[in-house]
Structure formats: structure tokens, C-alpha cells
Amino acid sequence: MGIVTMKLRGLSELGQGRWEYRRRVPEAVRTKIGKSEWKRVIKARSDADLLRQYGRVEAEFEREVLAAKAPKQRLTPRAAWEAAVREANEMAAGVVGLGDDDHDEARALVAESLVSLGRPDPLLVQALMDPRRSAPALTLEDARNVYVAEKLGGGMGAEHRAAMVRLERVMKLASEAGLPATTALSDLTREHARKVRDHMLSREKLGAKGERVSPASVKRELGLLRTVVSYGARELGLLDFASPFDKLPIEGLSAASGARVAAREKVDPLPAKIASAMRGKLTGDLRLIWRILEGTGCRLGEVTGLRVEDIVLAGDTPHLRIRWHEGRRLKTLSSIRSVPLVGDALAAAQEAVKLAEGERMLFPLYGHEGGPDAVSAALMKHLRELTKNRRHVVYSLRHNMKDLLVMAGVSERDEHRILGHSLGSVGNRVYGGDEAKLKAATEAMRKAIALAP
């Protein structure tokens, strides 16, 4: 392993299976990070293990440096005013030697003291001298910020990264259409909404020269913007606010359901010969992941996020457990479930467990932040060599499983339990023991797999 360590930046061997990762912190962020050197000790049993852990540690270092370099978020005028009022109240409350009713005098004394010290904060002085003045109007940016704070965990964490990217893209599109984040919520009009919609519809689809973005995509983007505006207005106290984005028509959607008329974005099941060719083409972890996806109908992130302890091979109902854990978040309660392992999926899971001996994650190379994206890119590269049909994607395997379950006559309840869809009624969601549900799902899966080509 000495040859490996010589090629890895910042890594030195300590002996007895231990290495030290050491990097100098860039001078520009040393004060913020609080140290000039960044260190971690790595324990590894093999070259492969060392490479995996090295990648994770280096990613951690780079994330911390990037976070330190990120500019401090600028407060909106409303948020800045509210912060100044809070600080002014605290400073005035600290004045001693005056009567209980001399609040105005206390505030004036603090303001005079700040001015005498030179270069006072004008907003803080205003908050001291005129705390009851009209506050700046709440803006679209205020609505965005409260949405991020309440719905997206403050925008922190890998589980919110994709949602934050979508949100920032939508905010940028709105700004390009003449609706900047500084726009007061009270000034929003239907004309604003129409301009944003028309701008979104006029875009060229990424990677498809001459092809416009689909109405379905615009519907999703406008839906997010509508949610941000409505949720933000409600949480900020604008109880009588009427969103101009409500019931905004979008050309190209069916009136009944909003479904897209054009079908080019539709996902189709994979033909049996292509699925079989993929099994023969893939190797290593990618092949095992593909086989489990094909035989369970799970989502890609659910499989890459599996821990070894999530695979239950003993007993009459072998299964994998889709659970929330620190390395993988789940969006909905219905996603938390036990999925039966039958046929080739069971064999693939057994192989994966054997190969992952001593590891925490079933697929340690991909069981981390960014892992699902890496697997998706690798699988799609191979898939595109077999089919150019844009409706054939990795997600197609869920459609394959859905079709098998339908053809096998599986009840909708068991189908939803296997695929992780909402179970609807309280009775389906709450009543019944886990063991009985798993047995029923296993029997359903056996019927479905028996029909597989």
C-alpha cells in the first residue's frame, strides 16, 4: 500500500493500518475555520478501503473550505430592520439609573452614545429613535428565506441539495422575467406571473437544440414558485394574501389533469432484451445494483444507500429494509418499508453482503453523498450504448416492476407497499402487523417475478 499512499495528496502512513490525512488550510479562511492545518486519521485494511476513505475525507475537507469561503448571506431590508429593532431593544433594556417608564430616554441615551463613538450603524440608530416606524415591505426574498428555513432545513445538508438547486434555478428564472427577489409580496400581480410563465416556456431545452422546455417542466417550476410565495406569505403573517400564481393556465397541458400532451418525457419500461444485455454488460457493484433494482423496483438512491444491516437474508421472507439513516434521507413515510428479495435480486443481495464483509455500507464505493448520481451516470452511459430511446432510463426498471405486479394480479395495497407509494387510507397505513404485511408482499413479489422474461 506504500505505492498508493505516495500518490495520494496529503496522506502519510502512521503504521499498523493507520494513515494521516493532512492539508494546509487556505490562508483566506484560516480565521473562519480556526486552524492552519486540517487533519484526520484514517484506518484501512486494504488499498481499496484506503482509497474509499481517502475520497470521503478529502471531500469533507473541500466542503469545509468551500463553506468557509461562501459569502455571508445578506439580510433583506425587512430582516435587517427586525434585527436592528431586536438589538436596539436589548441595548435600551441594559441602561441603568433611569425610571421604569423612561424607555424613550434610555433609547436616546444609547443612540447618542453610539454617535459619539463614531460611525454608528444608521439602521440601529433609527431603530433606537423610531422603533414604531413602518417596517420595510416583505419581499419575494423574505418568502424564499422562510421557506428554506422551515421546509429545507436552512438549506444545509446533502438531502436538501437538489431542492436548493431547483429553488435557486426557479428564482433566477423569475428574476430574468422581471420578477427580482426584491419585489414586495404586496406588489405581485397576475402580469408578473404571466411573464414568468412565458419566459419559462420560451427556453430551449438543455441538450436538445431547437426543442423548447416542456409545459410539464414549467408546471413543476411554477408550482415551486407558487408554493414559496404562498407559504412565505402565510408564515410571514400576510393572512389575506392572494397569490397571482394560483390557477395560472399553461399552454400545452390537458385541462383535465395537467398531464403533458406531448409524450417525449414519458418513461417507458425497458424491453427484456435490453435489460438482459445490461446484466451481461455490467460488472462489479454496478451489476449487483442493477440486478437489485430490476428485481425489487426500488429507487436508485434507496439501493445505493443500503447498509449491510439493512439486508435480512435469514428466514422465509428475505428482504431489504429501506430506512432513514444519517447517510440517506427519505422524503416520505411511505418510502420507509421492507422490500422482499426473490430470485435474482436475492442472489445479488447475497453476493453484495459477502463482498461488503466488514463494511458498514452495502456498496461502500457509492454509499455516500453523490453516490447515487455517480451510479446513475455510469449506468446511463452503458444503457445509451444499447438504446438511444430517451424514454429508456434507469428509472424504467420501476416501471418494469409495476407492470409485473399488475400482470400478476397483485392488489394495489401490496403493490404500493413494494414500490413505496402512499397507501392512502388510514386502515392500509396503520393496521396489521409488519410480519403479516411482509409475508403478503413476499407472496406478491414471487408471483410477479415468476412472470419476468
Protein backbone atom coordinates (compact mmCIF):
# COMPACT_ATOMS: atom_id res chain seq x y z
CA MET A 1 0.00 0.00 0.00
CA GLY A 2 3.04 2.26 0.09
CA ILE A 3 2.75 2.84 -3.67
CA VAL A 4 -0.83 4.05 -3.20
CA THR A 5 -0.02 6.44 -0.35
CA MET A 6 2.76 8.10 -2.35
CA LYS A 7 0.22 9.11 -4.98
CA LEU A 8 -2.42 10.50 -2.63
CA ARG A 9 -2.05 14.16 -1.75
CA GLY A 10 -1.73 14.94 1.94
CA LEU A 11 -1.58 11.30 3.06
CA SER A 12 1.20 9.80 5.18
CA GLU A 13 1.44 6.36 6.75
CA LEU A 14 1.44 6.11 10.56
CA GLY A 15 1.77 2.32 10.72
CA GLN A 16 -0.46 -0.55 11.86
CA GLY A 17 -3.11 0.16 9.25
CA ARG A 18 -3.35 3.86 10.11
CA TRP A 19 -2.72 6.91 7.91
CA GLU A 20 -2.90 10.64 8.50
CA TYR A 21 -4.57 12.98 6.05
CA ARG A 22 -3.11 16.47 6.48
CA ARG A 23 -3.85 19.58 4.40
CA ARG A 24 -2.94 23.20 4.86
CA VAL A 25 -5.99 25.40 5.25
CA PRO A 26 -6.01 28.27 2.71
CA GLU A 27 -4.90 31.49 4.38
CA ALA A 28 -8.08 33.29 3.38
CA VAL A 29 -10.25 31.01 5.54
CA ARG A 30 -7.93 30.10 8.42
CA THR A 31 -9.56 32.54 10.81
CA LYS A 32 -13.03 31.27 10.00
CA ILE A 33 -12.08 27.58 10.24
CA GLY A 34 -9.93 28.25 13.30
CA LYS A 35 -6.77 26.38 12.33
CA SER A 36 -3.95 26.42 9.81
CA GLU A 37 -3.84 22.64 9.26
CA TRP A 38 -6.71 20.21 8.75
CA LYS A 39 -6.09 16.62 9.91
CA ARG A 40 -7.89 13.31 10.01
CA VAL A 41 -6.67 9.80 10.90
CA ILE A 42 -7.74 7.03 8.51
CA LYS A 43 -7.86 3.34 9.38
CA ALA A 44 -7.92 0.95 6.42
CA ARG A 45 -7.40 -2.75 5.77
CA SER A 46 -6.66 -2.65 2.05
CA ASP A 47 -5.81 -0.37 -0.86
CA ALA A 48 -9.46 -0.30 -1.91
CA ASP A 49 -10.60 0.57 1.60
CA LEU A 50 -7.95 3.28 1.86
CA LEU A 51 -8.99 4.83 -1.45
CA ARG A 52 -12.64 4.90 -0.43
CA GLN A 53 -11.95 6.52 2.92
CA TYR A 54 -9.44 8.94 1.42
CA GLY A 55 -12.08 10.15 -1.03
CA ARG A 56 -14.56 10.77 1.77
CA VAL A 57 -12.06 12.62 3.96
CA GLU A 58 -10.83 14.78 1.09
CA ALA A 59 -14.44 15.62 0.18
CA GLU A 60 -15.08 16.62 3.80
CA PHE A 61 -12.04 18.94 3.76
CA GLU A 62 -13.09 20.55 0.49
CA ARG A 63 -16.67 21.05 1.70
CA GLU A 64 -15.45 22.78 4.85
CA VAL A 65 -13.17 25.09 2.88
CA LEU A 66 -15.93 25.92 0.39
CA ALA A 67 -18.37 26.64 3.22
CA ALA A 68 -15.84 28.98 4.83
CA LYS A 69 -15.29 30.79 1.52
CA ALA A 70 -19.02 31.26 0.94
CA PRO A 71 -20.11 34.87 1.46
CA LYS A 72 -22.29 35.64 4.45
CA GLN A 73 -25.94 35.79 3.45
CA ARG A 74 -27.13 39.35 3.01
CA LEU A 75 -30.19 40.23 5.05
CA THR A 76 -33.27 41.55 3.29
CA PRO A 77 -34.32 45.10 4.26
CA ARG A 78 -37.15 43.67 6.37
CA ALA A 79 -34.91 41.13 8.13
CA ALA A 80 -32.21 43.76 8.70
CA TRP A 81 -34.76 46.13 10.24
CA GLU A 82 -36.17 43.44 12.53
CA ALA A 83 -32.64 42.50 13.63
CA ALA A 84 -31.87 46.17 14.35
CA VAL A 85 -35.06 46.53 16.42
CA ARG A 86 -34.15 43.46 18.49
CA GLU A 87 -30.63 44.77 19.11
CA ALA A 88 -31.97 48.23 19.97
CA ASN A 89 -34.42 46.77 22.49
CA GLU A 90 -31.65 44.75 24.14
CA MET A 91 -29.34 47.76 24.35
CA ALA A 92 -32.05 50.03 25.78
CA ALA A 93 -33.00 47.39 28.34
CA GLY A 94 -29.40 47.42 29.60
CA VAL A 95 -29.46 51.09 30.57
CA VAL A 96 -29.48 51.55 34.38
CA GLY A 97 -30.22 54.57 36.57
CA LEU A 98 -33.47 55.59 34.89
CA GLY A 99 -37.06 55.07 35.92
CA ASP A 100 -39.14 52.16 34.67
CA ASP A 101 -41.12 54.49 32.41
CA ASP A 102 -38.15 56.26 30.85
CA HIS A 103 -37.92 53.94 27.84
CA ASP A 104 -37.59 56.73 25.28
CA GLU A 105 -34.86 58.44 27.28
CA ALA A 106 -32.95 55.17 27.57
CA ARG A 107 -33.11 54.67 23.81
CA ALA A 108 -31.98 58.25 23.19
CA LEU A 109 -29.01 57.81 25.54
CA VAL A 110 -27.90 54.67 23.72
CA ALA A 111 -28.25 56.38 20.33
CA GLU A 112 -26.21 59.39 21.50
CA SER A 113 -23.55 57.06 22.86
CA LEU A 114 -23.29 55.24 19.52
CA VAL A 115 -22.99 58.54 17.62
CA SER A 116 -20.30 59.81 19.98
CA LEU A 117 -18.24 56.67 19.35
CA GLY A 118 -18.18 57.48 15.64
CA ARG A 119 -19.53 55.72 12.53
CA PRO A 120 -22.73 54.33 14.12
CA ASP A 121 -24.98 51.87 12.30
CA PRO A 122 -27.67 54.16 10.81
CA LEU A 123 -30.30 51.42 10.91
CA LEU A 124 -29.61 50.68 14.58
CA VAL A 125 -29.87 54.39 15.43
CA GLN A 126 -33.19 54.57 13.59
CA ALA A 127 -34.43 51.52 15.50
CA LEU A 128 -33.48 53.22 18.77
CA MET A 129 -35.06 56.59 17.96
CA ASP A 130 -38.11 55.47 15.98
CA PRO A 131 -38.86 51.78 16.69
CA ARG A 132 -42.51 52.15 15.62
CA ARG A 133 -41.82 53.40 12.12
CA SER A 134 -43.21 51.36 9.24
CA ALA A 135 -41.05 48.34 8.56
CA PRO A 136 -39.77 47.70 5.01
CA ALA A 137 -42.14 45.65 2.88
CA LEU A 138 -41.85 41.87 2.89
CA THR A 139 -40.32 40.67 -0.37
CA LEU A 140 -40.11 37.57 -2.51
CA GLU A 141 -36.67 37.01 -0.97
CA ASP A 142 -38.21 37.05 2.52
CA ALA A 143 -40.67 34.38 1.38
CA ARG A 144 -37.83 32.33 -0.09
CA ASN A 145 -35.80 32.59 3.11
CA VAL A 146 -38.62 31.45 5.38
CA TYR A 147 -39.40 28.57 3.00
CA VAL A 148 -35.76 27.46 3.08
CA ALA A 149 -35.59 27.79 6.86
CA GLU A 150 -38.80 25.87 7.55
CA LYS A 151 -39.00 23.37 4.69
CA LEU A 152 -35.40 22.78 3.62
CA GLY A 153 -33.56 22.73 6.92
CA GLY A 154 -31.98 26.10 6.30
CA GLY A 155 -30.56 24.82 3.02
CA MET A 156 -27.96 22.72 4.81
CA GLY A 157 -27.33 19.02 4.34
CA ALA A 158 -26.96 16.75 1.35
CA GLU A 159 -30.63 15.72 1.49
CA HIS A 160 -31.68 19.29 0.61
CA ARG A 161 -29.05 19.98 -2.04
CA ALA A 162 -31.17 19.05 -5.07
CA ALA A 163 -34.15 21.02 -3.73
CA MET A 164 -31.95 24.07 -3.18
CA VAL A 165 -30.60 23.83 -6.73
CA ARG A 166 -34.17 23.70 -8.11
CA LEU A 167 -35.23 26.63 -5.94
CA GLU A 168 -32.31 28.84 -6.99
CA ARG A 169 -32.94 27.97 -10.65
CA VAL A 170 -36.59 28.99 -10.34
CA MET A 171 -35.71 32.23 -8.52
CA LYS A 172 -33.20 33.06 -11.29
CA LEU A 173 -35.81 32.41 -13.98
CA ALA A 174 -38.27 34.67 -12.17
CA SER A 175 -35.66 37.43 -11.99
CA GLU A 176 -34.90 37.08 -15.71
CA ALA A 177 -38.62 37.54 -16.39
CA GLY A 178 -38.76 40.83 -14.48
CA LEU A 179 -39.60 39.49 -11.03
CA PRO A 180 -36.48 40.04 -8.91
CA ALA A 181 -36.26 38.75 -5.35
CA THR A 182 -36.50 42.34 -4.08
CA THR A 183 -40.11 42.64 -5.31
CA ALA A 184 -42.54 43.29 -2.46
CA LEU A 185 -45.07 40.49 -2.00
CA SER A 186 -47.82 43.10 -1.83
CA ASP A 187 -46.81 44.33 -5.30
CA LEU A 188 -47.05 40.94 -7.03
CA THR A 189 -49.56 40.91 -9.88
CA ARG A 190 -51.03 38.45 -12.34
CA GLU A 191 -48.95 40.18 -15.00
CA HIS A 192 -45.80 39.18 -13.10
CA ALA A 193 -46.99 35.57 -13.04
CA ARG A 194 -47.77 35.53 -16.78
CA LYS A 195 -44.37 36.99 -17.66
CA VAL A 196 -42.57 34.37 -15.56
CA ARG A 197 -44.65 31.59 -17.16
CA ASP A 198 -43.99 32.85 -20.70
CA HIS A 199 -40.27 33.20 -20.04
CA MET A 200 -40.09 29.65 -18.71
CA LEU A 201 -41.95 28.31 -21.74
CA SER A 202 -39.68 30.17 -24.17
CA ARG A 203 -36.48 28.44 -23.02
CA GLU A 204 -34.62 25.92 -25.13
CA LYS A 205 -34.33 22.51 -23.56
CA LEU A 206 -30.84 21.72 -22.31
CA GLY A 207 -29.06 19.35 -24.68
CA ALA A 208 -31.90 19.41 -27.23
CA LYS A 209 -31.15 22.04 -29.84
CA GLY A 210 -34.26 23.76 -31.12
CA GLU A 211 -36.56 21.99 -28.65
CA ARG A 212 -38.46 24.00 -26.05
CA VAL A 213 -38.77 23.13 -22.40
CA SER A 214 -41.90 21.06 -21.88
CA PRO A 215 -45.07 22.51 -20.36
CA ALA A 216 -44.83 19.77 -17.71
CA SER A 217 -41.43 21.11 -16.59
CA VAL A 218 -42.79 24.65 -16.48
CA LYS A 219 -45.75 23.42 -14.45
CA ARG A 220 -43.36 21.98 -11.85
CA GLU A 221 -41.24 25.14 -11.75
CA LEU A 222 -44.25 27.41 -11.38
CA GLY A 223 -45.62 25.06 -8.73
CA LEU A 224 -42.47 25.51 -6.68
CA LEU A 225 -42.57 29.29 -7.05
CA ARG A 226 -46.27 29.32 -6.11
CA THR A 227 -45.52 27.24 -3.01
CA VAL A 228 -42.66 29.53 -1.95
CA VAL A 229 -44.79 32.65 -2.35
CA SER A 230 -47.90 31.26 -0.63
CA TYR A 231 -46.04 29.53 2.20
CA GLY A 232 -43.79 32.52 2.81
CA ALA A 233 -46.68 34.97 2.84
CA ARG A 234 -48.61 32.83 5.30
CA GLU A 235 -45.65 32.31 7.65
CA LEU A 236 -44.77 36.00 7.50
CA GLY A 237 -48.26 36.99 8.61
CA LEU A 238 -49.86 38.09 5.33
CA LEU A 239 -53.03 36.17 6.05
CA ASP A 240 -55.15 37.85 3.34
CA PHE A 241 -52.50 37.45 0.65
CA ALA A 242 -53.74 36.12 -2.71
CA SER A 243 -51.01 34.55 -4.84
CA PRO A 244 -51.06 35.63 -8.51
CA PHE A 245 -49.61 32.21 -9.40
CA ASP A 246 -52.73 30.31 -8.33
CA LYS A 247 -54.57 28.54 -11.18
CA LEU A 248 -52.28 30.04 -13.81
CA PRO A 249 -53.02 28.32 -17.16
CA ILE A 250 -50.13 26.75 -19.07
CA GLU A 251 -50.48 26.14 -22.79
CA GLY A 252 -49.81 22.53 -23.76
CA LEU A 253 -51.30 20.83 -20.70
CA SER A 254 -54.54 18.88 -20.75
CA ALA A 255 -57.36 20.64 -18.98
CA ALA A 256 -58.39 17.56 -17.02
CA SER A 257 -55.26 16.62 -15.18
CA GLY A 258 -52.46 18.94 -16.18
CA ALA A 259 -50.74 15.97 -17.81
CA ARG A 260 -48.42 16.81 -20.64
CA VAL A 261 -49.89 16.32 -24.09
CA ALA A 262 -46.55 15.61 -25.76
CA ALA A 263 -45.07 12.31 -24.59
CA ARG A 264 -41.36 12.81 -25.16
CA GLU A 265 -40.64 13.00 -21.40
CA LYS A 266 -42.52 9.79 -20.61
CA VAL A 267 -40.54 6.92 -19.09
CA ASP A 268 -41.16 3.52 -20.66
CA PRO A 269 -40.36 0.06 -19.27
CA LEU A 270 -37.15 -1.44 -20.64
CA PRO A 271 -37.55 -4.18 -23.26
CA ALA A 272 -36.43 -7.55 -21.91
CA LYS A 273 -33.54 -7.85 -24.36
CA ILE A 274 -32.08 -4.50 -23.24
CA ALA A 275 -32.42 -5.33 -19.54
CA SER A 276 -30.75 -8.68 -20.19
CA ALA A 277 -27.97 -7.04 -22.22
CA MET A 278 -27.31 -4.64 -19.35
CA ARG A 279 -26.91 -7.54 -16.93
CA GLY A 280 -24.35 -9.08 -19.24
CA LYS A 281 -22.56 -5.79 -19.88
CA LEU A 282 -22.14 -4.54 -16.30
CA THR A 283 -19.55 -5.74 -13.80
CA GLY A 284 -18.80 -5.37 -10.10
CA ASP A 285 -21.01 -3.24 -7.87
CA LEU A 286 -22.84 -1.72 -10.84
CA ARG A 287 -24.04 -5.15 -11.94
CA LEU A 288 -25.21 -6.03 -8.42
CA ILE A 289 -27.02 -2.70 -8.07
CA TRP A 290 -28.72 -3.20 -11.46
CA ARG A 291 -29.90 -6.69 -10.53
CA ILE A 292 -31.33 -5.48 -7.22
CA LEU A 293 -33.05 -2.55 -8.93
CA GLU A 294 -34.52 -4.85 -11.56
CA GLY A 295 -35.72 -7.42 -9.04
CA THR A 296 -37.19 -5.06 -6.44
CA GLY A 297 -38.40 -1.93 -8.24
CA CYS A 298 -36.56 0.20 -5.69
CA ARG A 299 -35.36 3.71 -6.42
CA LEU A 300 -31.66 4.06 -7.18
CA GLY A 301 -30.90 6.11 -4.06
CA GLU A 302 -32.67 3.53 -1.91
CA VAL A 303 -30.30 0.80 -3.12
CA THR A 304 -27.05 2.78 -3.02
CA GLY A 305 -27.94 3.92 0.49
CA LEU A 306 -28.38 0.40 1.88
CA ARG A 307 -26.30 -0.65 4.86
CA VAL A 308 -25.25 -4.26 5.35
CA GLU A 309 -27.56 -4.41 8.37
CA ASP A 310 -30.50 -3.49 6.11
CA ILE A 311 -30.24 -6.82 4.26
CA VAL A 312 -32.16 -9.62 6.00
CA LEU A 313 -31.33 -12.98 4.43
CA ALA A 314 -32.44 -15.38 7.17
CA GLY A 315 -35.93 -16.88 7.41
CA ASP A 316 -38.70 -17.49 4.92
CA THR A 317 -39.05 -13.85 3.89
CA PRO A 318 -35.63 -12.44 2.95
CA HIS A 319 -35.91 -8.75 2.32
CA LEU A 320 -34.14 -5.42 2.32
CA ARG A 321 -35.16 -2.66 4.68
CA ILE A 322 -35.45 0.86 3.31
CA ARG A 323 -34.80 3.03 6.36
CA TRP A 324 -33.80 6.56 7.19
CA HIS A 325 -30.23 6.89 8.45
CA GLU A 326 -27.58 9.60 8.63
CA GLY A 327 -26.18 8.68 5.23
CA ARG A 328 -29.51 8.58 3.39
CA ARG A 329 -32.68 10.59 3.98
CA LEU A 330 -36.11 9.59 2.73
CA LYS A 331 -38.67 12.08 1.50
CA THR A 332 -41.89 10.36 2.58
CA LEU A 333 -43.08 7.96 5.25
CA SER A 334 -44.35 5.58 2.57
CA SER A 335 -40.76 5.19 1.32
CA ILE A 336 -39.85 3.51 4.63
CA ARG A 337 -40.63 -0.15 4.02
CA SER A 338 -39.40 -3.72 3.70
CA VAL A 339 -38.99 -4.97 0.13
CA PRO A 340 -38.99 -8.76 -0.50
CA LEU A 341 -35.93 -10.33 -2.11
CA VAL A 342 -36.87 -13.02 -4.61
CA GLY A 343 -35.00 -14.78 -7.40
CA ASP A 344 -32.02 -12.98 -8.91
CA ALA A 345 -32.41 -9.97 -6.62
CA LEU A 346 -31.93 -12.28 -3.63
CA ALA A 347 -28.83 -13.82 -5.23
CA ALA A 348 -27.43 -10.34 -5.96
CA ALA A 349 -28.06 -9.22 -2.38
CA GLN A 350 -26.30 -12.32 -1.04
CA GLU A 351 -23.28 -11.60 -3.24
CA ALA A 352 -23.23 -7.95 -2.17
CA VAL A 353 -23.32 -8.84 1.53
CA LYS A 354 -20.43 -11.27 1.10
CA LEU A 355 -18.34 -8.69 -0.78
CA ALA A 356 -19.10 -5.98 1.80
CA GLU A 357 -17.88 -8.03 4.77
CA GLY A 358 -16.54 -5.69 7.44
CA GLU A 359 -18.10 -2.64 5.78
CA ARG A 360 -20.97 -0.53 7.08
CA MET A 361 -22.48 0.27 3.68
CA LEU A 362 -23.55 -2.47 1.28
CA PHE A 363 -21.93 -0.57 -1.58
CA PRO A 364 -19.21 1.49 0.14
CA LEU A 365 -17.95 2.92 -3.13
CA TYR A 366 -21.32 4.58 -3.73
CA GLY A 367 -22.95 4.72 -0.28
CA HIS A 368 -22.19 8.38 0.33
CA GLU A 369 -23.19 11.85 -0.77
CA GLY A 370 -23.14 11.99 -4.56
CA GLY A 371 -23.07 8.20 -4.82
CA PRO A 372 -26.49 7.83 -6.49
CA ASP A 373 -25.55 10.44 -9.10
CA ALA A 374 -22.30 8.61 -9.86
CA VAL A 375 -24.13 5.29 -10.26
CA SER A 376 -26.83 6.88 -12.41
CA ALA A 377 -24.25 8.42 -14.74
CA ALA A 378 -22.35 5.14 -15.05
CA LEU A 379 -25.47 3.08 -15.71
CA MET A 380 -26.85 5.57 -18.23
CA LYS A 381 -23.56 5.55 -20.12
CA HIS A 382 -23.87 1.79 -20.60
CA LEU A 383 -27.61 1.98 -21.29
CA ARG A 384 -27.18 4.57 -24.05
CA GLU A 385 -24.82 2.19 -25.82
CA LEU A 386 -27.74 -0.24 -26.04
CA THR A 387 -30.64 2.12 -26.70
CA LYS A 388 -30.95 5.71 -27.87
CA ASN A 389 -34.61 5.88 -26.84
CA ARG A 390 -34.82 8.76 -24.37
CA ARG A 391 -37.73 7.07 -22.61
CA HIS A 392 -35.40 4.25 -21.59
CA VAL A 393 -33.65 5.25 -18.37
CA VAL A 394 -32.60 3.58 -15.11
CA TYR A 395 -35.96 4.56 -13.61
CA SER A 396 -37.58 2.41 -16.29
CA LEU A 397 -36.89 -0.60 -14.06
CA ARG A 398 -39.54 0.64 -11.61
CA HIS A 399 -42.00 0.66 -14.49
CA ASN A 400 -40.97 -2.89 -15.37
CA MET A 401 -41.71 -3.99 -11.81
CA LYS A 402 -45.01 -2.10 -11.82
CA ASP A 403 -46.05 -3.96 -14.98
CA LEU A 404 -45.10 -7.34 -13.50
CA LEU A 405 -47.12 -6.64 -10.35
CA VAL A 406 -50.14 -5.61 -12.40
CA MET A 407 -49.91 -8.67 -14.67
CA ALA A 408 -49.61 -10.93 -11.61
CA GLY A 409 -52.88 -9.57 -10.26
CA VAL A 410 -51.23 -8.17 -7.13
CA SER A 411 -53.52 -5.98 -5.02
CA GLU A 412 -52.94 -2.25 -5.19
CA ARG A 413 -52.17 -2.25 -1.45
CA ASP A 414 -49.30 -4.76 -1.79
CA GLU A 415 -48.10 -3.08 -4.98
CA HIS A 416 -47.81 0.24 -3.15
CA ARG A 417 -46.04 -1.39 -0.21
CA ILE A 418 -43.44 -2.91 -2.51
CA LEU A 419 -42.84 0.24 -4.55
CA GLY A 420 -43.04 2.69 -1.65
CA HIS A 421 -46.11 4.61 -2.77
CA SER A 422 -48.64 6.21 -0.45
CA LEU A 423 -51.09 3.67 0.97
CA GLY A 424 -53.98 6.11 1.06
CA SER A 425 -56.48 5.16 3.76
CA VAL A 426 -55.63 5.04 7.45
CA GLY A 427 -56.54 1.35 7.58
CA ASN A 428 -53.96 0.40 4.97
CA ARG A 429 -51.28 2.54 6.60
CA VAL A 430 -51.81 1.75 10.28
CA TYR A 431 -53.50 -1.59 10.89
CA GLY A 432 -51.84 -5.00 10.63
CA GLY A 433 -48.52 -6.40 11.81
CA ASP A 434 -45.24 -5.96 9.96
CA GLU A 435 -44.67 -9.72 9.65
CA ALA A 436 -48.04 -10.32 8.03
CA LYS A 437 -47.51 -7.42 5.63
CA LEU A 438 -44.07 -8.74 4.67
CA LYS A 439 -45.43 -12.25 4.04
CA ALA A 440 -48.16 -10.84 1.80
CA ALA A 441 -45.66 -8.66 -0.07
CA THR A 442 -43.29 -11.63 -0.50
CA GLU A 443 -46.04 -13.77 -1.99
CA ALA A 444 -46.97 -10.91 -4.31
CA MET A 445 -43.35 -10.47 -5.38
CA ARG A 446 -42.97 -14.20 -6.11
CA LYS A 447 -46.00 -14.08 -8.38
CA ALA A 448 -44.59 -11.05 -10.19
CA ILE A 449 -41.06 -12.41 -10.60
CA ALA A 450 -42.48 -15.67 -11.97
CA LEU A 451 -43.73 -13.65 -14.95
CA ALA A 452 -40.39 -11.97 -15.63
CA PRO A 453 -38.85 -12.80 -19.04
